[in-house]
Structure formats: structure tokens, C-alpha cells
N, C-alpha and C. Protein backbone atom coordinates (compact mmCIF):
# COMPACT_ATOMS: atom_id res chain seq x y z
N MET A 1 153.68 65.15 124.71
CA MET A 1 152.39 65.12 125.39
C MET A 1 152.13 66.28 126.35
N PRO A 2 153.14 66.89 126.98
CA PRO A 2 152.88 68.00 127.90
C PRO A 2 152.11 69.13 127.23
N THR A 3 152.40 69.41 125.93
CA THR A 3 151.69 70.51 125.25
C THR A 3 150.21 70.20 125.11
N VAL A 4 149.88 68.93 124.85
CA VAL A 4 148.48 68.54 124.73
C VAL A 4 147.75 68.76 126.05
N ARG A 5 148.38 68.36 127.15
CA ARG A 5 147.76 68.53 128.47
C ARG A 5 147.57 70.00 128.80
N LYS A 6 148.53 70.80 128.41
CA LYS A 6 148.43 72.24 128.67
C LYS A 6 147.22 72.83 127.95
N LYS A 7 147.00 72.39 126.70
CA LYS A 7 145.87 72.89 125.92
C LYS A 7 144.55 72.49 126.58
N ILE A 8 144.47 71.25 127.06
CA ILE A 8 143.23 70.80 127.70
C ILE A 8 142.92 71.65 128.92
N ARG A 9 143.94 71.99 129.70
CA ARG A 9 143.73 72.82 130.89
C ARG A 9 143.22 74.21 130.50
N GLN A 10 143.77 74.74 129.41
CA GLN A 10 143.38 76.10 129.01
C GLN A 10 141.95 76.14 128.49
N VAL A 11 141.56 75.12 127.72
CA VAL A 11 140.24 75.12 127.11
C VAL A 11 139.16 74.73 128.12
N ALA A 12 139.47 73.76 128.99
CA ALA A 12 138.45 73.23 129.88
C ALA A 12 138.94 73.19 131.32
N PRO A 13 138.53 74.14 132.14
CA PRO A 13 138.90 74.08 133.55
C PRO A 13 138.38 72.79 134.18
N MET A 14 139.08 72.33 135.20
CA MET A 14 138.73 71.04 135.78
C MET A 14 137.53 71.13 136.72
N SER A 15 136.40 71.42 136.16
CA SER A 15 135.16 71.48 136.93
C SER A 15 134.51 70.09 136.93
N ARG A 16 133.49 69.95 137.74
CA ARG A 16 132.71 68.71 137.76
C ARG A 16 132.14 68.42 136.37
N GLU A 17 131.69 69.47 135.69
CA GLU A 17 131.08 69.31 134.38
C GLU A 17 132.08 68.77 133.36
N VAL A 18 133.35 69.16 133.47
CA VAL A 18 134.36 68.66 132.55
C VAL A 18 134.55 67.16 132.73
N TRP A 19 134.61 66.72 133.98
CA TRP A 19 134.72 65.29 134.26
C TRP A 19 133.51 64.53 133.72
N VAL A 20 132.32 65.07 133.91
CA VAL A 20 131.10 64.42 133.43
C VAL A 20 131.12 64.32 131.92
N LYS A 21 131.50 65.39 131.25
CA LYS A 21 131.55 65.39 129.78
C LYS A 21 132.58 64.38 129.29
N ALA A 22 133.72 64.31 129.95
CA ALA A 22 134.75 63.35 129.55
C ALA A 22 134.23 61.92 129.72
N ALA A 23 133.52 61.67 130.81
CA ALA A 23 132.95 60.33 131.04
C ALA A 23 131.90 60.01 129.98
N MET A 24 131.07 60.99 129.61
CA MET A 24 130.05 60.77 128.59
C MET A 24 130.69 60.44 127.24
N ASN A 25 131.75 61.15 126.90
CA ASN A 25 132.45 60.89 125.64
C ASN A 25 133.03 59.48 125.63
N LEU A 26 133.59 59.07 126.76
CA LEU A 26 134.18 57.74 126.86
C LEU A 26 133.11 56.66 126.77
N ILE A 27 131.98 56.89 127.43
CA ILE A 27 130.88 55.92 127.36
C ILE A 27 130.40 55.76 125.92
N ALA A 28 130.25 56.88 125.22
CA ALA A 28 129.78 56.83 123.83
C ALA A 28 130.73 56.03 122.95
N GLN A 29 132.03 56.14 123.21
CA GLN A 29 133.03 55.47 122.37
C GLN A 29 133.29 54.03 122.79
N GLU A 30 133.35 53.78 124.11
CA GLU A 30 133.82 52.47 124.58
C GLU A 30 132.88 51.76 125.55
N GLY A 31 131.83 52.43 126.00
CA GLY A 31 130.89 51.79 126.91
C GLY A 31 131.09 52.16 128.36
N VAL A 32 130.10 51.84 129.18
CA VAL A 32 130.11 52.19 130.60
C VAL A 32 131.29 51.55 131.32
N GLN A 33 131.61 50.32 130.96
CA GLN A 33 132.67 49.59 131.65
C GLN A 33 134.04 50.24 131.47
N ALA A 34 134.18 51.11 130.46
CA ALA A 34 135.48 51.74 130.18
C ALA A 34 135.77 52.92 131.10
N VAL A 35 134.76 53.41 131.80
CA VAL A 35 134.96 54.58 132.67
C VAL A 35 135.83 54.19 133.86
N ALA A 36 137.00 54.83 133.94
CA ALA A 36 137.94 54.59 135.04
C ALA A 36 138.64 55.90 135.35
N VAL A 37 138.94 56.12 136.61
CA VAL A 37 139.46 57.42 137.04
C VAL A 37 140.83 57.72 136.44
N GLU A 38 141.75 56.79 136.55
CA GLU A 38 143.13 57.08 136.14
C GLU A 38 143.26 57.42 134.65
N PRO A 39 142.68 56.61 133.73
CA PRO A 39 142.77 56.97 132.31
C PRO A 39 142.12 58.32 131.99
N LEU A 40 141.00 58.61 132.65
CA LEU A 40 140.35 59.90 132.42
C LEU A 40 141.24 61.05 132.91
N ALA A 41 141.84 60.88 134.07
CA ALA A 41 142.74 61.90 134.60
C ALA A 41 143.91 62.13 133.65
N GLN A 42 144.46 61.05 133.10
CA GLN A 42 145.57 61.18 132.16
C GLN A 42 145.14 61.91 130.90
N ALA A 43 143.95 61.56 130.39
CA ALA A 43 143.44 62.21 129.18
C ALA A 43 143.19 63.69 129.40
N LEU A 44 142.76 64.06 130.60
CA LEU A 44 142.49 65.46 130.91
C LEU A 44 143.75 66.21 131.36
N GLY A 45 144.82 65.45 131.61
CA GLY A 45 146.07 66.09 132.00
C GLY A 45 146.09 66.58 133.42
N VAL A 46 145.42 65.83 134.31
CA VAL A 46 145.37 66.20 135.73
C VAL A 46 145.67 64.98 136.59
N THR A 47 145.79 65.18 137.87
CA THR A 47 145.99 64.07 138.80
C THR A 47 144.64 63.53 139.24
N LYS A 48 144.66 62.35 139.85
CA LYS A 48 143.42 61.76 140.35
C LYS A 48 142.83 62.60 141.48
N GLY A 49 143.66 63.40 142.14
CA GLY A 49 143.16 64.26 143.20
C GLY A 49 142.09 65.21 142.71
N SER A 50 142.22 65.65 141.45
CA SER A 50 141.21 66.54 140.87
C SER A 50 139.86 65.85 140.81
N PHE A 51 139.88 64.56 140.49
CA PHE A 51 138.64 63.78 140.43
C PHE A 51 137.98 63.71 141.80
N TYR A 52 138.77 63.38 142.81
CA TYR A 52 138.20 63.17 144.15
C TYR A 52 137.77 64.47 144.82
N TRP A 53 138.10 65.59 144.22
CA TRP A 53 137.58 66.87 144.70
C TRP A 53 136.09 66.97 144.41
N HIS A 54 135.66 66.32 143.31
CA HIS A 54 134.27 66.42 142.86
C HIS A 54 133.44 65.16 143.12
N PHE A 55 134.09 63.99 143.12
CA PHE A 55 133.36 62.73 143.21
C PHE A 55 133.98 61.82 144.27
N GLN A 56 133.14 61.02 144.89
CA GLN A 56 133.64 60.07 145.88
C GLN A 56 134.27 58.85 145.22
N ASN A 57 133.68 58.43 144.08
CA ASN A 57 134.18 57.23 143.41
C ASN A 57 133.71 57.20 141.96
N ARG A 58 134.13 56.15 141.28
CA ARG A 58 133.81 55.97 139.86
C ARG A 58 132.30 55.87 139.63
N ASP A 59 131.59 55.16 140.50
CA ASP A 59 130.15 55.00 140.32
C ASP A 59 129.41 56.33 140.39
N GLU A 60 129.90 57.24 141.23
CA GLU A 60 129.26 58.55 141.32
C GLU A 60 129.44 59.33 140.02
N LEU A 61 130.60 59.19 139.38
CA LEU A 61 130.83 59.84 138.09
C LEU A 61 129.91 59.25 137.03
N ILE A 62 129.80 57.93 136.99
CA ILE A 62 128.92 57.28 136.02
C ILE A 62 127.48 57.74 136.23
N HIS A 63 127.06 57.81 137.48
CA HIS A 63 125.70 58.27 137.80
C HIS A 63 125.49 59.70 137.31
N ALA A 64 126.47 60.56 137.50
CA ALA A 64 126.36 61.95 137.05
C ALA A 64 126.27 62.02 135.52
N ALA A 65 127.05 61.19 134.84
CA ALA A 65 127.02 61.16 133.37
C ALA A 65 125.66 60.69 132.87
N LEU A 66 125.11 59.68 133.50
CA LEU A 66 123.80 59.17 133.11
C LEU A 66 122.69 60.18 133.40
N GLU A 67 122.80 60.88 134.50
CA GLU A 67 121.83 61.94 134.83
C GLU A 67 121.86 63.04 133.78
N ALA A 68 123.07 63.45 133.38
CA ALA A 68 123.21 64.51 132.38
C ALA A 68 122.60 64.08 131.06
N TRP A 69 122.85 62.83 130.67
CA TRP A 69 122.28 62.31 129.42
C TRP A 69 120.76 62.24 129.49
N GLU A 70 120.24 61.73 130.60
CA GLU A 70 118.79 61.62 130.73
C GLU A 70 118.11 62.98 130.64
N GLN A 71 118.68 63.97 131.29
CA GLN A 71 118.10 65.30 131.25
C GLN A 71 118.12 65.88 129.84
N ASP A 72 119.24 65.72 129.17
CA ASP A 72 119.40 66.30 127.84
C ASP A 72 118.59 65.56 126.78
N GLN A 73 118.58 64.23 126.86
CA GLN A 73 118.01 63.45 125.78
C GLN A 73 116.61 62.92 126.02
N SER A 74 116.05 63.16 127.17
CA SER A 74 114.66 62.73 127.37
C SER A 74 113.83 63.83 128.00
N ALA A 75 114.25 64.29 129.16
CA ALA A 75 113.46 65.30 129.85
C ALA A 75 113.37 66.59 129.04
N ASP A 76 114.46 66.96 128.36
CA ASP A 76 114.47 68.21 127.61
C ASP A 76 113.90 68.10 126.20
N VAL A 77 113.66 66.87 125.72
CA VAL A 77 113.15 66.68 124.37
C VAL A 77 111.79 67.35 124.20
N VAL A 78 110.92 67.16 125.18
CA VAL A 78 109.58 67.77 125.10
C VAL A 78 109.70 69.28 125.04
N GLU A 79 110.60 69.84 125.83
CA GLU A 79 110.78 71.29 125.84
C GLU A 79 111.29 71.79 124.49
N ARG A 80 112.21 71.02 123.87
CA ARG A 80 112.80 71.46 122.60
C ARG A 80 111.83 71.34 121.43
N TYR A 81 111.07 70.25 121.41
CA TYR A 81 110.26 69.98 120.23
C TYR A 81 108.75 70.07 120.46
N GLY A 82 108.34 70.11 121.72
CA GLY A 82 106.92 70.18 122.01
C GLY A 82 106.27 71.46 121.53
N GLY A 83 107.08 72.50 121.35
CA GLY A 83 106.55 73.78 120.90
C GLY A 83 106.20 73.82 119.41
N ILE A 84 106.59 72.79 118.66
CA ILE A 84 106.23 72.72 117.24
C ILE A 84 104.78 72.28 117.16
N VAL A 85 103.91 73.21 116.81
CA VAL A 85 102.47 72.97 116.90
C VAL A 85 102.00 71.89 115.93
N ASP A 86 102.48 71.93 114.70
CA ASP A 86 102.07 70.95 113.69
C ASP A 86 102.71 69.60 114.03
N PRO A 87 101.92 68.59 114.41
CA PRO A 87 102.50 67.31 114.83
C PRO A 87 103.26 66.60 113.70
N ARG A 88 102.83 66.80 112.47
CA ARG A 88 103.51 66.18 111.33
C ARG A 88 104.92 66.74 111.21
N ARG A 89 105.03 68.05 111.28
CA ARG A 89 106.35 68.69 111.21
C ARG A 89 107.18 68.32 112.45
N ARG A 90 106.54 68.28 113.63
CA ARG A 90 107.24 67.94 114.86
C ARG A 90 107.89 66.56 114.75
N LEU A 91 107.15 65.59 114.22
CA LEU A 91 107.68 64.24 114.09
C LEU A 91 108.85 64.19 113.11
N ARG A 92 108.72 64.89 112.00
CA ARG A 92 109.80 64.88 111.01
C ARG A 92 111.06 65.55 111.57
N VAL A 93 110.88 66.68 112.23
CA VAL A 93 112.03 67.38 112.83
C VAL A 93 112.68 66.49 113.89
N LEU A 94 111.86 65.83 114.70
CA LEU A 94 112.36 64.96 115.75
C LEU A 94 113.17 63.79 115.18
N LEU A 95 112.68 63.19 114.10
CA LEU A 95 113.39 62.08 113.47
C LEU A 95 114.75 62.53 112.92
N PHE A 96 114.75 63.64 112.20
CA PHE A 96 116.01 64.13 111.65
C PHE A 96 116.99 64.49 112.75
N ALA A 97 116.51 65.16 113.79
CA ALA A 97 117.39 65.57 114.90
C ALA A 97 117.98 64.35 115.59
N ALA A 98 117.17 63.31 115.80
CA ALA A 98 117.63 62.11 116.50
C ALA A 98 118.73 61.40 115.72
N PHE A 99 118.53 61.22 114.42
CA PHE A 99 119.51 60.48 113.62
C PHE A 99 120.78 61.29 113.35
N GLU A 100 120.65 62.60 113.30
CA GLU A 100 121.83 63.43 113.01
C GLU A 100 122.70 63.66 114.23
N ASP A 101 122.16 63.41 115.42
CA ASP A 101 122.94 63.58 116.65
C ASP A 101 123.70 62.28 116.93
N VAL A 102 124.80 62.11 116.20
CA VAL A 102 125.53 60.84 116.22
C VAL A 102 126.12 60.54 117.60
N GLU A 103 126.67 61.54 118.27
CA GLU A 103 127.29 61.28 119.57
C GLU A 103 126.29 60.75 120.58
N ASN A 104 125.11 61.35 120.62
CA ASN A 104 124.10 60.88 121.56
C ASN A 104 123.52 59.54 121.13
N GLY A 105 123.48 59.30 119.82
CA GLY A 105 123.04 58.00 119.35
C GLY A 105 124.01 56.91 119.78
N LYS A 106 125.31 57.20 119.70
CA LYS A 106 126.32 56.24 120.15
C LYS A 106 126.23 56.02 121.66
N PHE A 107 125.96 57.09 122.37
CA PHE A 107 125.83 56.98 123.84
C PHE A 107 124.66 56.05 124.17
N PHE A 108 123.54 56.25 123.50
CA PHE A 108 122.36 55.41 123.71
C PHE A 108 122.68 53.95 123.40
N ALA A 109 123.37 53.70 122.28
CA ALA A 109 123.71 52.33 121.91
C ALA A 109 124.63 51.69 122.94
N ALA A 110 125.56 52.48 123.48
CA ALA A 110 126.47 51.96 124.52
C ALA A 110 125.69 51.60 125.78
N LEU A 111 124.70 52.41 126.13
CA LEU A 111 123.87 52.09 127.30
C LEU A 111 123.04 50.84 127.06
N ALA A 112 122.55 50.68 125.83
CA ALA A 112 121.73 49.51 125.51
C ALA A 112 122.52 48.22 125.71
N VAL A 113 123.81 48.26 125.41
CA VAL A 113 124.67 47.09 125.61
C VAL A 113 124.74 46.73 127.09
N SER A 114 124.67 47.75 127.96
CA SER A 114 124.75 47.55 129.42
C SER A 114 123.39 47.67 130.09
N SER A 115 122.33 47.31 129.36
CA SER A 115 120.98 47.53 129.87
C SER A 115 120.66 46.75 131.14
N GLU A 116 121.40 45.66 131.41
CA GLU A 116 121.17 44.89 132.63
C GLU A 116 121.94 45.43 133.83
N ASP A 117 122.84 46.36 133.57
CA ASP A 117 123.62 46.97 134.65
C ASP A 117 122.67 47.79 135.53
N PRO A 118 122.60 47.50 136.83
CA PRO A 118 121.65 48.22 137.70
C PRO A 118 121.89 49.72 137.76
N ARG A 119 123.11 50.16 137.42
CA ARG A 119 123.36 51.61 137.38
C ARG A 119 122.73 52.22 136.14
N VAL A 120 122.66 51.46 135.07
CA VAL A 120 122.20 51.97 133.77
C VAL A 120 120.70 51.79 133.59
N GLN A 121 120.19 50.66 134.03
CA GLN A 121 118.81 50.25 133.73
C GLN A 121 117.74 51.30 134.00
N PRO A 122 117.72 51.93 135.19
CA PRO A 122 116.63 52.90 135.43
C PRO A 122 116.70 54.13 134.52
N PHE A 123 117.91 54.58 134.20
CA PHE A 123 118.05 55.74 133.31
C PHE A 123 117.58 55.40 131.90
N LEU A 124 117.99 54.24 131.42
CA LEU A 124 117.61 53.82 130.07
C LEU A 124 116.11 53.60 129.96
N ARG A 125 115.54 53.02 131.01
CA ARG A 125 114.09 52.75 131.00
C ARG A 125 113.29 54.05 131.02
N ARG A 126 113.68 54.99 131.89
CA ARG A 126 112.93 56.26 131.96
C ARG A 126 113.05 57.04 130.64
N ALA A 127 114.25 57.06 130.08
CA ALA A 127 114.45 57.79 128.82
C ALA A 127 113.61 57.17 127.71
N THR A 128 113.60 55.83 127.65
CA THR A 128 112.82 55.14 126.63
C THR A 128 111.33 55.41 126.81
N ASP A 129 110.86 55.32 128.05
CA ASP A 129 109.43 55.57 128.31
C ASP A 129 109.03 56.99 127.91
N ARG A 130 109.88 57.97 128.24
CA ARG A 130 109.55 59.37 127.91
C ARG A 130 109.55 59.58 126.39
N ARG A 131 110.54 59.03 125.73
CA ARG A 131 110.64 59.20 124.27
C ARG A 131 109.45 58.57 123.57
N LEU A 132 109.10 57.35 123.98
CA LEU A 132 107.96 56.68 123.37
C LEU A 132 106.66 57.42 123.66
N ALA A 133 106.50 57.90 124.88
CA ALA A 133 105.28 58.64 125.23
C ALA A 133 105.14 59.89 124.37
N PHE A 134 106.25 60.58 124.14
CA PHE A 134 106.22 61.79 123.32
C PHE A 134 105.89 61.45 121.87
N GLY A 135 106.47 60.34 121.39
CA GLY A 135 106.17 59.90 120.03
C GLY A 135 104.71 59.51 119.87
N ILE A 136 104.20 58.76 120.84
CA ILE A 136 102.79 58.33 120.79
C ILE A 136 101.87 59.54 120.81
N GLU A 137 102.17 60.48 121.68
CA GLU A 137 101.34 61.70 121.76
C GLU A 137 101.35 62.46 120.44
N SER A 138 102.51 62.54 119.80
CA SER A 138 102.62 63.27 118.53
C SER A 138 101.87 62.55 117.41
N PHE A 139 101.97 61.23 117.38
CA PHE A 139 101.23 60.48 116.35
C PHE A 139 99.72 60.57 116.60
N GLN A 140 99.31 60.54 117.86
CA GLN A 140 97.89 60.68 118.17
C GLN A 140 97.36 62.05 117.74
N ALA A 141 98.24 63.05 117.83
CA ALA A 141 97.83 64.41 117.44
C ALA A 141 97.52 64.49 115.94
N LEU A 142 97.97 63.49 115.18
CA LEU A 142 97.65 63.43 113.76
C LEU A 142 96.27 62.84 113.51
N GLY A 143 95.64 62.33 114.57
CA GLY A 143 94.32 61.73 114.44
C GLY A 143 94.35 60.22 114.45
N LEU A 144 95.52 59.63 114.73
CA LEU A 144 95.62 58.17 114.79
C LEU A 144 95.10 57.66 116.13
N SER A 145 94.64 56.42 116.13
CA SER A 145 94.22 55.80 117.37
C SER A 145 95.44 55.59 118.25
N LYS A 146 95.22 55.36 119.55
CA LYS A 146 96.35 55.15 120.45
C LYS A 146 97.15 53.91 120.05
N ALA A 147 96.45 52.86 119.63
CA ALA A 147 97.13 51.62 119.22
C ALA A 147 98.00 51.86 117.99
N GLU A 148 97.45 52.57 117.00
CA GLU A 148 98.22 52.86 115.78
C GLU A 148 99.37 53.81 116.08
N ALA A 149 99.12 54.79 116.93
CA ALA A 149 100.17 55.74 117.30
C ALA A 149 101.31 55.03 118.02
N ARG A 150 100.96 54.11 118.92
CA ARG A 150 101.99 53.36 119.65
C ARG A 150 102.81 52.49 118.70
N GLU A 151 102.15 51.86 117.76
CA GLU A 151 102.85 51.00 116.80
C GLU A 151 103.86 51.81 115.99
N ARG A 152 103.43 52.98 115.51
CA ARG A 152 104.33 53.81 114.69
C ARG A 152 105.47 54.38 115.53
N ALA A 153 105.17 54.76 116.77
CA ALA A 153 106.23 55.27 117.64
C ALA A 153 107.26 54.17 117.93
N LEU A 154 106.79 52.94 118.13
CA LEU A 154 107.70 51.82 118.37
C LEU A 154 108.56 51.54 117.14
N LEU A 155 107.96 51.60 115.96
CA LEU A 155 108.71 51.38 114.72
C LEU A 155 109.79 52.45 114.55
N ALA A 156 109.44 53.69 114.82
CA ALA A 156 110.41 54.78 114.71
C ALA A 156 111.56 54.60 115.70
N TYR A 157 111.21 54.23 116.93
CA TYR A 157 112.23 54.06 117.97
C TYR A 157 113.12 52.85 117.68
N ALA A 158 112.50 51.79 117.17
CA ALA A 158 113.27 50.59 116.81
C ALA A 158 114.23 50.90 115.67
N ALA A 159 113.81 51.71 114.71
CA ALA A 159 114.69 52.09 113.61
C ALA A 159 115.87 52.90 114.13
N TYR A 160 115.60 53.80 115.05
CA TYR A 160 116.66 54.61 115.66
C TYR A 160 117.63 53.74 116.44
N ALA A 161 117.09 52.89 117.32
CA ALA A 161 117.94 52.02 118.15
C ALA A 161 118.76 51.08 117.29
N GLY A 162 118.13 50.51 116.26
CA GLY A 162 118.83 49.58 115.39
C GLY A 162 119.93 50.23 114.60
N TYR A 163 119.68 51.44 114.12
CA TYR A 163 120.68 52.15 113.33
C TYR A 163 121.95 52.39 114.15
N PHE A 164 121.78 52.89 115.38
CA PHE A 164 122.96 53.21 116.18
C PHE A 164 123.62 51.97 116.77
N GLN A 165 122.85 50.91 116.95
CA GLN A 165 123.48 49.66 117.38
C GLN A 165 124.35 49.10 116.25
N LEU A 166 123.87 49.21 115.02
CA LEU A 166 124.67 48.79 113.87
C LEU A 166 125.90 49.69 113.71
N LEU A 167 125.72 50.98 113.94
CA LEU A 167 126.85 51.90 113.83
C LEU A 167 127.94 51.53 114.84
N ARG A 168 127.51 50.99 115.98
CA ARG A 168 128.46 50.59 117.02
C ARG A 168 129.11 49.24 116.73
N THR A 169 128.31 48.27 116.27
CA THR A 169 128.80 46.90 116.13
C THR A 169 129.20 46.52 114.71
N ALA A 170 128.59 47.14 113.70
CA ALA A 170 128.90 46.82 112.30
C ALA A 170 128.89 48.10 111.47
N PRO A 171 129.84 49.00 111.73
CA PRO A 171 129.83 50.30 111.04
C PRO A 171 129.89 50.20 109.53
N GLU A 172 130.47 49.09 109.02
CA GLU A 172 130.53 48.94 107.56
C GLU A 172 129.13 48.80 106.96
N ALA A 173 128.21 48.20 107.71
CA ALA A 173 126.83 48.07 107.22
C ALA A 173 126.16 49.43 107.12
N VAL A 174 126.40 50.27 108.14
CA VAL A 174 125.82 51.62 108.14
C VAL A 174 126.52 52.49 107.11
N GLY A 175 127.80 52.20 106.86
CA GLY A 175 128.55 52.98 105.88
C GLY A 175 127.95 52.93 104.50
N ALA A 176 127.16 51.88 104.24
CA ALA A 176 126.51 51.76 102.93
C ALA A 176 125.43 52.83 102.76
N VAL A 177 124.94 53.37 103.89
CA VAL A 177 123.92 54.44 103.83
C VAL A 177 124.66 55.77 103.71
N THR A 178 124.97 56.15 102.49
CA THR A 178 125.74 57.37 102.28
C THR A 178 124.87 58.62 102.41
N ASP A 179 123.58 58.46 102.19
CA ASP A 179 122.67 59.61 102.27
C ASP A 179 121.77 59.43 103.48
N LEU A 180 122.25 59.86 104.65
CA LEU A 180 121.48 59.69 105.87
C LEU A 180 120.18 60.48 105.80
N SER A 181 120.23 61.68 105.25
CA SER A 181 119.01 62.49 105.14
C SER A 181 117.96 61.79 104.31
N GLY A 182 118.40 61.16 103.22
CA GLY A 182 117.47 60.42 102.38
C GLY A 182 116.87 59.23 103.10
N TYR A 183 117.71 58.56 103.90
CA TYR A 183 117.26 57.41 104.70
C TYR A 183 116.19 57.85 105.70
N VAL A 184 116.46 58.93 106.41
CA VAL A 184 115.49 59.42 107.41
C VAL A 184 114.24 59.94 106.72
N ARG A 185 114.40 60.56 105.58
CA ARG A 185 113.23 61.06 104.85
C ARG A 185 112.31 59.90 104.45
N ARG A 186 112.89 58.80 103.97
CA ARG A 186 112.08 57.63 103.61
C ARG A 186 111.40 57.03 104.84
N LEU A 187 112.12 57.03 105.97
CA LEU A 187 111.54 56.54 107.22
C LEU A 187 110.35 57.41 107.62
N ALA A 188 110.53 58.73 107.53
CA ALA A 188 109.45 59.65 107.89
C ALA A 188 108.25 59.47 106.95
N GLU A 189 108.53 59.28 105.67
CA GLU A 189 107.44 59.09 104.71
C GLU A 189 106.65 57.81 105.00
N ALA A 190 107.38 56.78 105.48
CA ALA A 190 106.72 55.51 105.77
C ALA A 190 105.88 55.56 107.05
N LEU A 191 106.33 56.35 108.02
CA LEU A 191 105.69 56.34 109.33
C LEU A 191 104.74 57.50 109.59
N VAL A 192 105.02 58.66 109.00
CA VAL A 192 104.22 59.85 109.27
C VAL A 192 103.21 60.03 108.12
N PRO A 193 101.92 59.84 108.38
CA PRO A 193 100.92 59.95 107.30
C PRO A 193 100.95 61.33 106.66
N ALA A 194 100.79 61.36 105.34
CA ALA A 194 100.79 62.63 104.62
C ALA A 194 99.57 63.47 104.97
N THR A 195 98.47 62.80 105.27
CA THR A 195 97.24 63.50 105.67
C THR A 195 96.68 62.78 106.89
N SER A 196 95.92 63.51 107.67
CA SER A 196 95.30 62.92 108.85
C SER A 196 94.18 61.98 108.45
N PRO A 197 94.03 60.84 109.12
CA PRO A 197 92.94 59.90 108.78
C PRO A 197 91.59 60.52 109.09
N ARG A 198 90.63 60.11 108.31
CA ARG A 198 89.25 60.59 108.53
C ARG A 198 88.67 59.89 109.76
N ARG A 199 88.04 60.67 110.60
CA ARG A 199 87.38 60.09 111.78
C ARG A 199 85.96 59.66 111.39
N THR A 200 85.60 58.47 111.86
CA THR A 200 84.26 57.98 111.53
C THR A 200 83.32 58.17 112.70
């Protein structure tokens, strides 16, 4: 094991960001409740003193991990995909990107399991609100009414949430979907109109 620890030190200096990334990886795999200082320190090949250089306690690390996820997966989504002018293409690209980002999908599913946790709840709620708002705006840009746009955005988000919850709790069910691209393509075809509706 000493050689493994040496490699971790060489690849990733013990910065605050390294601790946050390690916590995010652990949350994605095992959930928020799995985050603990000592096991993380052992995995990173450092002492607990390294942790307390950057954080006061475990809750502060969890908060930092949730902040990093919220910024990357909700606040930055508009910046990444909002520049795609064609709303039809934007929605399709967004769907494919969401389903293909397995690590972040697992992280989201892990947070959903802990949705009542007061540390998790506000982050999950804000991320969900932002994602749905962006989806609704994109569907409306196709010429759909706000009600229809909201319904389609909810269906898309429910499909995403359900897929990664199944991947977490019943991976054998998801394993039957061998062609993820085909699955997402069918989802996009069902939800994203091929042509804009005529306005009356």
C-alpha cells in the first residue's frame, strides 16, 4: 500500500480541491452519509491533520462538495449550453450530455436519497429549479406554450432522475439498456418536436 499512497501524493497535491473531489467521488459511490475524515485521509495517503488545515469539520467538507456540484451542474449549465442558438439542437445536446455524464448522474441520485437532509436539501432544490427553468425556457423557444414546455421539461427530468436512481439501486435493470445513445435518442424524439407548432 505505501506505493499507492506515494502515487496519490505525486498526482494530486493535498489542496482543498483534492479533498473536495475525493468527497464528491465518495458521495457518488456511497452517499453523503459515507463521507468521513479518517477513511478519506487513508484513501488519499495523508494524515487527518491535512484535512483540518483546510476544513473545520466533516460538515464543512460536505458543504464544499455540494457547492462544487451545484456550480458545475446547475449554475454552469446555462453557460455551457445556452449559447446553442437552435433550441431543438440545444435540447438534444443537453439530453445526451446529461445521460452520458455517469459520475454526475450518480452524484445526483445519491443526493436524491438524502433529499431530507438539511445539508443537502437546499442544494438539490436550487439545482432542480435551475435545470427545470432552463428546460422550460428551451422548450418554449420551440414555440410551445409554457404549460406544454413545463410538462416536457418535467418528463425529461423525470427520465433522467429515474435512470440514475435505477443505476444506483437496480443496476441490472439499467444493464439491459446496452445502447444508451439509442435510448436517449428515442427520448429526444418523444419529447422534442421535429417542427415548431403553428401559432394560431
